[in-house]
Amino acid sequence: MFGIGMPELILILAIALIVLGPKKLPDLAKSMGRAMREFKKATSEFKESIAVDDELSDVKKAFDDINKDIKETIDINVDLEDKAQNYLSSSDDEKDNKEPGKEGPEGSVKDE
């Protein structure tokens, strides 16, 4: 544990016993235990939140892909509609240019 062996741990506990005294040492151990428990709990909650963020990023990526596909489909449909409209407009213009009684590209009038 943190590179501390048994002799070092005994030395630290002996110094703590001398400095704090036998009455305060159990209270210190309790508070250290609570602090370690809270630290572990906070660490596990942080790990869970990271896991949730990863899952949410996967879901967000899926929604972005769907959104991209929908936009591409709409763009294709709009392009097709524009082309169809242009085609219809050009065929209407050609019909308007061909008036009855006119013939050929010069537009000479037939004598009847």
N, C-alpha and C. Protein backbone atom coordinates (compact mmCIF):
# COMPACT_ATOMS: atom_id res chain seq x y z
N MET A 1 0.84 -1.17 0.00
CA MET A 1 0.00 0.00 0.00
C MET A 1 0.89 1.24 0.00
N PHE A 2 0.96 1.92 -1.12
CA PHE A 2 1.74 3.14 -1.32
C PHE A 2 3.23 2.95 -1.04
N GLY A 3 3.72 1.73 -1.13
CA GLY A 3 5.13 1.47 -0.90
C GLY A 3 5.53 1.53 0.57
N ILE A 4 4.54 1.49 1.46
CA ILE A 4 4.82 1.54 2.90
C ILE A 4 4.76 0.11 3.42
N GLY A 5 5.85 -0.34 4.00
CA GLY A 5 5.90 -1.68 4.56
C GLY A 5 5.38 -1.69 5.99
N MET A 6 5.42 -2.89 6.58
CA MET A 6 4.93 -3.05 7.94
C MET A 6 5.76 -2.24 8.95
N PRO A 7 7.09 -2.21 8.87
CA PRO A 7 7.84 -1.42 9.87
C PRO A 7 7.52 0.07 9.79
N GLU A 8 7.36 0.59 8.59
CA GLU A 8 7.04 2.02 8.46
C GLU A 8 5.66 2.33 9.03
N LEU A 9 4.71 1.43 8.79
CA LEU A 9 3.34 1.62 9.29
C LEU A 9 3.32 1.61 10.82
N ILE A 10 4.08 0.69 11.44
CA ILE A 10 4.14 0.63 12.91
C ILE A 10 4.77 1.91 13.46
N LEU A 11 5.79 2.41 12.80
CA LEU A 11 6.44 3.64 13.24
C LEU A 11 5.47 4.82 13.17
N ILE A 12 4.70 4.91 12.08
CA ILE A 12 3.73 6.01 11.93
C ILE A 12 2.66 5.92 13.02
N LEU A 13 2.16 4.71 13.29
CA LEU A 13 1.14 4.54 14.33
C LEU A 13 1.70 4.87 15.72
N ALA A 14 2.94 4.52 15.99
CA ALA A 14 3.55 4.83 17.28
C ALA A 14 3.70 6.33 17.46
N ILE A 15 4.11 7.02 16.40
CA ILE A 15 4.25 8.48 16.49
C ILE A 15 2.87 9.13 16.68
N ALA A 16 1.85 8.62 15.96
CA ALA A 16 0.50 9.16 16.12
C ALA A 16 -0.01 8.93 17.53
N LEU A 17 0.29 7.76 18.12
CA LEU A 17 -0.13 7.47 19.48
C LEU A 17 0.53 8.43 20.47
N ILE A 18 1.80 8.71 20.25
CA ILE A 18 2.52 9.63 21.15
C ILE A 18 1.99 11.06 20.99
N VAL A 19 1.79 11.51 19.74
CA VAL A 19 1.38 12.89 19.49
C VAL A 19 -0.07 13.11 19.92
N LEU A 20 -0.96 12.22 19.54
CA LEU A 20 -2.39 12.43 19.79
C LEU A 20 -2.85 11.90 21.14
N GLY A 21 -2.23 10.87 21.59
CA GLY A 21 -2.65 10.28 22.87
C GLY A 21 -3.65 9.16 22.63
N PRO A 22 -3.81 8.31 23.64
CA PRO A 22 -4.68 7.14 23.49
C PRO A 22 -6.18 7.48 23.44
N LYS A 23 -6.57 8.65 23.90
CA LYS A 23 -7.99 9.00 23.91
C LYS A 23 -8.46 9.47 22.53
N LYS A 24 -7.62 10.19 21.81
CA LYS A 24 -8.03 10.75 20.51
C LYS A 24 -7.74 9.82 19.33
N LEU A 25 -6.89 8.83 19.53
CA LEU A 25 -6.51 7.95 18.43
C LEU A 25 -7.69 7.16 17.85
N PRO A 26 -8.60 6.61 18.66
CA PRO A 26 -9.76 5.91 18.07
C PRO A 26 -10.68 6.85 17.26
N ASP A 27 -10.85 8.07 17.76
CA ASP A 27 -11.67 9.04 17.01
C ASP A 27 -11.01 9.39 15.67
N LEU A 28 -9.69 9.52 15.69
CA LEU A 28 -8.96 9.79 14.46
C LEU A 28 -9.12 8.63 13.48
N ALA A 29 -9.04 7.40 13.97
CA ALA A 29 -9.21 6.22 13.11
C ALA A 29 -10.61 6.19 12.50
N LYS A 30 -11.64 6.52 13.30
CA LYS A 30 -13.01 6.57 12.78
C LYS A 30 -13.14 7.60 11.67
N SER A 31 -12.61 8.80 11.94
CA SER A 31 -12.74 9.85 10.93
C SER A 31 -11.95 9.51 9.67
N MET A 32 -10.81 8.84 9.81
CA MET A 32 -10.03 8.41 8.64
C MET A 32 -10.81 7.34 7.86
N GLY A 33 -11.46 6.45 8.56
CA GLY A 33 -12.27 5.41 7.91
C GLY A 33 -13.43 6.02 7.13
N ARG A 34 -14.10 6.99 7.75
CA ARG A 34 -15.21 7.68 7.07
C ARG A 34 -14.71 8.43 5.84
N ALA A 35 -13.56 9.09 6.00
CA ALA A 35 -13.00 9.84 4.87
C ALA A 35 -12.66 8.90 3.71
N MET A 36 -12.08 7.76 4.03
CA MET A 36 -11.74 6.78 2.98
C MET A 36 -13.01 6.25 2.30
N ARG A 37 -14.04 5.99 3.10
CA ARG A 37 -15.31 5.50 2.55
C ARG A 37 -15.93 6.54 1.61
N GLU A 38 -15.94 7.80 2.03
CA GLU A 38 -16.48 8.87 1.19
C GLU A 38 -15.66 9.05 -0.08
N PHE A 39 -14.33 8.91 0.05
CA PHE A 39 -13.46 9.02 -1.12
C PHE A 39 -13.75 7.90 -2.12
N LYS A 40 -13.91 6.68 -1.62
CA LYS A 40 -14.23 5.55 -2.51
C LYS A 40 -15.60 5.75 -3.16
N LYS A 41 -16.56 6.24 -2.40
CA LYS A 41 -17.90 6.48 -2.93
C LYS A 41 -17.86 7.54 -4.03
N ALA A 42 -17.13 8.62 -3.77
CA ALA A 42 -17.02 9.69 -4.77
C ALA A 42 -16.31 9.18 -6.02
N THR A 43 -15.29 8.36 -5.83
CA THR A 43 -14.56 7.80 -6.97
C THR A 43 -15.46 6.91 -7.80
N SER A 44 -16.25 6.06 -7.14
CA SER A 44 -17.14 5.17 -7.89
C SER A 44 -18.23 5.96 -8.62
N GLU A 45 -18.75 7.01 -8.00
CA GLU A 45 -19.75 7.86 -8.67
C GLU A 45 -19.14 8.56 -9.88
N PHE A 46 -17.89 9.00 -9.74
CA PHE A 46 -17.21 9.64 -10.87
C PHE A 46 -17.02 8.66 -12.02
N LYS A 47 -16.63 7.44 -11.69
CA LYS A 47 -16.46 6.40 -12.73
C LYS A 47 -17.79 6.13 -13.43
N GLU A 48 -18.88 6.06 -12.66
CA GLU A 48 -20.20 5.83 -13.25
C GLU A 48 -20.61 6.98 -14.16
N SER A 49 -20.31 8.21 -13.74
CA SER A 49 -20.68 9.36 -14.57
C SER A 49 -19.88 9.36 -15.87
N ILE A 50 -18.62 8.93 -15.80
CA ILE A 50 -17.82 8.83 -17.03
C ILE A 50 -18.41 7.77 -17.94
N ALA A 51 -18.83 6.65 -17.38
CA ALA A 51 -19.44 5.58 -18.17
C ALA A 51 -20.73 6.06 -18.82
N VAL A 52 -21.53 6.84 -18.07
CA VAL A 52 -22.77 7.39 -18.62
C VAL A 52 -22.45 8.37 -19.75
N ASP A 53 -21.41 9.20 -19.56
CA ASP A 53 -21.01 10.14 -20.60
C ASP A 53 -20.59 9.40 -21.87
N ASP A 54 -19.88 8.30 -21.72
CA ASP A 54 -19.48 7.50 -22.88
C ASP A 54 -20.70 6.95 -23.60
N GLU A 55 -21.66 6.44 -22.82
CA GLU A 55 -22.88 5.91 -23.43
C GLU A 55 -23.66 7.02 -24.13
N LEU A 56 -23.73 8.19 -23.48
CA LEU A 56 -24.44 9.31 -24.09
C LEU A 56 -23.75 9.79 -25.35
N SER A 57 -22.43 9.75 -25.37
CA SER A 57 -21.73 10.18 -26.58
C SER A 57 -21.99 9.20 -27.72
N ASP A 58 -22.13 7.90 -27.40
CA ASP A 58 -22.49 6.93 -28.44
C ASP A 58 -23.88 7.21 -28.98
N VAL A 59 -24.82 7.51 -28.10
CA VAL A 59 -26.19 7.81 -28.52
C VAL A 59 -26.21 9.10 -29.34
N LYS A 60 -25.46 10.10 -28.89
CA LYS A 60 -25.40 11.37 -29.62
C LYS A 60 -24.83 11.16 -31.01
N LYS A 61 -23.81 10.32 -31.13
CA LYS A 61 -23.23 10.04 -32.44
C LYS A 61 -24.25 9.36 -33.34
N ALA A 62 -25.03 8.44 -32.79
CA ALA A 62 -26.06 7.76 -33.57
C ALA A 62 -27.10 8.76 -34.06
N PHE A 63 -27.53 9.67 -33.19
CA PHE A 63 -28.50 10.68 -33.59
C PHE A 63 -27.92 11.62 -34.65
N ASP A 64 -26.65 11.97 -34.51
CA ASP A 64 -26.01 12.82 -35.51
C ASP A 64 -25.95 12.13 -36.86
N ASP A 65 -25.66 10.82 -36.86
CA ASP A 65 -25.64 10.07 -38.12
C ASP A 65 -27.02 10.03 -38.76
N ILE A 66 -28.05 9.81 -37.95
CA ILE A 66 -29.42 9.79 -38.47
C ILE A 66 -29.78 11.16 -39.03
N ASN A 67 -29.43 12.21 -38.31
CA ASN A 67 -29.71 13.57 -38.75
C ASN A 67 -29.02 13.86 -40.08
N LYS A 68 -27.78 13.42 -40.21
CA LYS A 68 -27.02 13.61 -41.45
C LYS A 68 -27.70 12.88 -42.61
N ASP A 69 -28.13 11.63 -42.36
CA ASP A 69 -28.81 10.86 -43.41
C ASP A 69 -30.11 11.52 -43.84
N ILE A 70 -30.85 12.04 -42.89
CA ILE A 70 -32.12 12.71 -43.20
C ILE A 70 -31.86 13.96 -44.03
N LYS A 71 -30.85 14.74 -43.64
CA LYS A 71 -30.52 15.96 -44.40
C LYS A 71 -30.10 15.61 -45.82
N GLU A 72 -29.31 14.56 -45.99
CA GLU A 72 -28.90 14.14 -47.33
C GLU A 72 -30.11 13.73 -48.16
N THR A 73 -31.03 13.01 -47.56
CA THR A 73 -32.23 12.58 -48.27
C THR A 73 -33.06 13.78 -48.68
N ILE A 74 -33.22 14.73 -47.79
CA ILE A 74 -34.00 15.93 -48.10
C ILE A 74 -33.31 16.72 -49.20
N ASP A 75 -31.99 16.86 -49.14
CA ASP A 75 -31.26 17.57 -50.18
C ASP A 75 -31.42 16.90 -51.54
N ILE A 76 -31.39 15.57 -51.56
CA ILE A 76 -31.56 14.84 -52.82
C ILE A 76 -32.97 15.09 -53.37
N ASN A 77 -33.97 15.03 -52.48
CA ASN A 77 -35.35 15.26 -52.93
C ASN A 77 -35.53 16.68 -53.44
N VAL A 78 -34.93 17.66 -52.77
CA VAL A 78 -35.05 19.05 -53.21
C VAL A 78 -34.37 19.21 -54.56
N ASP A 79 -33.18 18.59 -54.74
CA ASP A 79 -32.48 18.67 -56.02
C ASP A 79 -33.32 18.05 -57.13
N LEU A 80 -33.94 16.91 -56.87
CA LEU A 80 -34.78 16.26 -57.87
C LEU A 80 -36.00 17.12 -58.21
N GLU A 81 -36.59 17.73 -57.19
CA GLU A 81 -37.74 18.60 -57.44
C GLU A 81 -37.32 19.82 -58.26
N ASP A 82 -36.16 20.38 -57.96
CA ASP A 82 -35.66 21.53 -58.73
C ASP A 82 -35.41 21.14 -60.18
N LYS A 83 -34.80 19.98 -60.38
CA LYS A 83 -34.54 19.53 -61.74
C LYS A 83 -35.85 19.29 -62.49
N ALA A 84 -36.83 18.69 -61.81
CA ALA A 84 -38.12 18.45 -62.44
C ALA A 84 -38.80 19.77 -62.78
N GLN A 85 -38.73 20.72 -61.87
CA GLN A 85 -39.33 22.03 -62.10
C GLN A 85 -38.65 22.73 -63.27
N ASN A 86 -37.32 22.66 -63.33
CA ASN A 86 -36.58 23.26 -64.43
C ASN A 86 -36.93 22.58 -65.75
N TYR A 87 -37.08 21.29 -65.73
CA TYR A 87 -37.43 20.55 -66.93
C TYR A 87 -38.82 20.95 -67.42
N LEU A 88 -39.76 21.02 -66.45
CA LEU A 88 -41.12 21.42 -66.83
C LEU A 88 -41.15 22.85 -67.34
N SER A 89 -40.38 23.73 -66.71
CA SER A 89 -40.34 25.13 -67.15
C SER A 89 -39.75 25.24 -68.54
N SER A 90 -38.70 24.48 -68.81
CA SER A 90 -38.07 24.54 -70.13
C SER A 90 -38.99 23.96 -71.20
N SER A 91 -39.74 22.91 -70.88
CA SER A 91 -40.66 22.34 -71.88
C SER A 91 -41.84 23.29 -72.11
N ASP A 92 -42.27 24.03 -71.09
CA ASP A 92 -43.34 25.02 -71.27
C ASP A 92 -42.84 26.17 -72.14
N ASP A 93 -41.60 26.59 -71.95
CA ASP A 93 -41.01 27.65 -72.77
C ASP A 93 -40.93 27.23 -74.22
N GLU A 94 -40.59 25.97 -74.47
CA GLU A 94 -40.51 25.48 -75.84
C GLU A 94 -41.89 25.47 -76.49
N LYS A 95 -42.90 25.10 -75.70
CA LYS A 95 -44.28 25.09 -76.23
C LYS A 95 -44.73 26.50 -76.55
N ASP A 96 -44.37 27.46 -75.70
CA ASP A 96 -44.76 28.85 -75.93
C ASP A 96 -44.09 29.40 -77.19
N ASN A 97 -42.85 28.98 -77.47
CA ASN A 97 -42.13 29.44 -78.65
C ASN A 97 -42.71 28.88 -79.93
N LYS A 98 -43.34 27.73 -79.89
CA LYS A 98 -43.93 27.12 -81.08
C LYS A 98 -45.40 27.52 -81.15
N GLU A 99 -45.67 28.65 -81.75
CA GLU A 99 -47.04 29.11 -81.90
C GLU A 99 -47.61 28.51 -83.18
N PRO A 100 -48.89 28.28 -83.22
CA PRO A 100 -49.51 27.76 -84.45
C PRO A 100 -49.37 28.78 -85.58
N GLY A 101 -49.10 28.27 -86.77
CA GLY A 101 -48.97 29.13 -87.93
C GLY A 101 -47.53 29.51 -88.20
N LYS A 102 -46.62 29.17 -87.33
CA LYS A 102 -45.21 29.46 -87.55
C LYS A 102 -44.52 28.16 -87.87
N GLU A 103 -43.46 28.28 -88.64
CA GLU A 103 -42.80 27.06 -89.04
C GLU A 103 -41.30 27.29 -89.05
N GLY A 104 -40.55 26.27 -88.63
CA GLY A 104 -39.11 26.32 -88.70
C GLY A 104 -38.50 27.24 -87.68
N PRO A 105 -37.16 27.25 -87.67
CA PRO A 105 -36.48 28.09 -86.69
C PRO A 105 -36.56 29.56 -87.00
N GLU A 106 -36.83 29.95 -88.29
CA GLU A 106 -36.90 31.37 -88.63
C GLU A 106 -38.22 31.95 -88.19
N GLY A 107 -39.22 31.11 -88.04
CA GLY A 107 -40.52 31.59 -87.61
C GLY A 107 -41.30 32.19 -88.75
N SER A 108 -41.13 31.70 -89.97
CA SER A 108 -41.88 32.25 -91.12
C SER A 108 -43.32 31.77 -91.03
N VAL A 109 -44.22 32.62 -91.47
CA VAL A 109 -45.64 32.35 -91.39
C VAL A 109 -46.07 31.60 -92.65
N LYS A 110 -46.90 30.58 -92.46
CA LYS A 110 -47.45 29.82 -93.59
C LYS A 110 -48.52 30.63 -94.28
N ASP A 111 -48.52 30.50 -95.57
CA ASP A 111 -49.60 31.13 -96.33
C ASP A 111 -50.67 30.09 -96.56
N GLU A 112 -51.87 30.32 -96.17
CA GLU A 112 -52.94 29.35 -96.35
C GLU A 112 -53.97 29.84 -97.29
